[in-house]
Amino acid sequence: IVYRAGPAWKPGVLMKEQGLRDHFYYVKALHERGDIVYAGAMGPDGGLMILHAADQAAAEAVAANDPAVKAGIFLADVRHYTPRFVGTGAATAANP
């Protein structure tokens, strides 16, 4: 899922001040269930989520139910992803 600024995005306002608290907890719950491979900010006004989903419809449902998408803060483009190369090192999370 590629997130980008939606119609309710406030230009010039930092991402942490865009009202994304419910989005954070939604993504956190997906992570705790084991649905997320990777998720995080991508630039100052968007993000990326790679998740495990049964099919395209399931991935689209995840995006559609995201509170930030429902609020229009983000628009979400749901795309199928097939990794061709997998690195040997484990990725680590950055401090928020």
Protein backbone atom coordinates (compact mmCIF):
# COMPACT_ATOMS: atom_id res chain seq x y z
CA ILE A 1 0.00 0.00 0.00
CA VAL A 2 1.48 3.33 -1.03
CA TYR A 3 0.04 6.22 0.97
CA ARG A 4 0.08 9.78 -0.34
CA ALA A 5 -1.42 13.06 0.79
CA GLY A 6 -5.19 13.15 0.48
CA PRO A 7 -7.67 16.01 0.26
CA ALA A 8 -7.65 16.55 4.05
CA TRP A 9 -3.83 16.72 4.19
CA LYS A 10 -2.67 20.09 5.53
CA PRO A 11 0.20 21.36 3.34
CA GLY A 12 3.12 22.73 5.31
CA VAL A 13 2.14 20.83 8.47
CA LEU A 14 4.45 18.09 9.77
CA MET A 15 3.22 14.52 9.44
CA LYS A 16 3.21 14.11 13.22
CA GLU A 17 0.71 17.00 13.42
CA GLN A 18 -1.70 15.74 10.73
CA GLY A 19 -4.05 13.89 13.10
CA LEU A 20 -2.71 10.40 12.43
CA ARG A 21 -3.16 8.94 15.93
CA ASP A 22 -5.94 6.53 14.85
CA HIS A 23 -3.90 5.53 11.78
CA PHE A 24 -0.94 4.75 14.07
CA TYR A 25 -3.03 2.48 16.29
CA TYR A 26 -4.63 0.80 13.26
CA VAL A 27 -1.20 0.00 11.80
CA LYS A 28 0.07 -1.07 15.23
CA ALA A 29 -2.81 -3.56 15.54
CA LEU A 30 -2.05 -4.97 12.07
CA HIS A 31 1.59 -5.34 13.11
CA GLU A 32 0.67 -7.09 16.37
CA ARG A 33 -1.48 -9.57 14.40
CA GLY A 34 1.49 -10.33 12.17
CA ASP A 35 -0.11 -8.87 9.03
CA ILE A 36 2.66 -6.35 8.31
CA VAL A 37 6.04 -7.10 6.79
CA TYR A 38 7.19 -3.45 6.78
CA ALA A 39 5.45 -0.11 7.34
CA GLY A 40 6.60 3.45 7.75
CA ALA A 41 6.85 6.97 6.44
CA MET A 42 8.02 7.56 2.91
CA GLY A 43 8.94 11.18 2.55
CA PRO A 44 7.27 14.03 4.41
CA ASP A 45 3.70 13.35 3.19
CA GLY A 46 3.24 9.64 2.62
CA GLY A 47 4.09 6.12 3.59
CA LEU A 48 4.49 2.53 2.55
CA MET A 49 3.05 -0.66 3.98
CA ILE A 50 4.02 -4.12 2.81
CA LEU A 51 1.64 -6.64 4.28
CA HIS A 52 0.58 -10.25 4.13
CA ALA A 53 -2.86 -10.47 2.51
CA ALA A 54 -4.84 -13.40 1.17
CA ASP A 55 -5.57 -11.57 -2.08
CA GLN A 56 -6.00 -8.15 -3.66
CA ALA A 57 -9.45 -7.68 -2.14
CA ALA A 58 -8.09 -8.31 1.37
CA ALA A 59 -5.31 -5.76 0.84
CA GLU A 60 -7.80 -3.23 -0.51
CA ALA A 61 -9.97 -3.79 2.58
CA VAL A 62 -6.99 -3.03 4.83
CA ALA A 63 -6.44 0.26 3.00
CA ALA A 64 -10.15 1.16 2.91
CA ASN A 65 -10.51 0.59 6.66
CA ASP A 66 -7.51 2.73 7.56
CA PRO A 67 -8.77 5.70 9.62
CA ALA A 68 -6.44 8.10 7.77
CA VAL A 69 -7.88 6.99 4.43
CA LYS A 70 -11.45 7.26 5.73
CA ALA A 71 -10.66 10.79 6.98
CA GLY A 72 -9.10 11.79 3.65
CA ILE A 73 -5.72 12.51 5.22
CA PHE A 74 -4.17 9.82 3.03
CA LEU A 75 -5.08 8.27 -0.30
CA ALA A 76 -3.97 4.65 -0.65
CA ASP A 77 -2.79 2.89 -3.79
CA VAL A 78 -2.94 -0.86 -3.30
CA ARG A 79 -0.53 -2.81 -5.47
CA HIS A 80 0.52 -6.43 -5.62
CA TYR A 81 4.17 -6.99 -4.74
CA THR A 82 6.32 -10.00 -5.57
CA PRO A 83 9.86 -9.87 -4.20
CA ARG A 84 12.51 -11.01 -6.67
CA PHE A 85 15.52 -10.62 -4.41
CA VAL A 86 15.63 -11.00 -0.64
CA GLY A 87 18.55 -9.70 1.37
CA THR A 88 20.28 -11.67 4.08
CA GLY A 89 20.30 -8.94 6.72
CA ALA A 90 17.33 -8.30 8.96
CA ALA A 91 15.81 -4.84 8.73
CA THR A 92 15.47 -2.85 11.94
CA ALA A 93 12.93 -0.21 12.84
CA ALA A 94 13.96 3.42 13.18
CA ASN A 95 13.05 5.34 16.30
CA PRO A 96 9.86 7.33 15.65
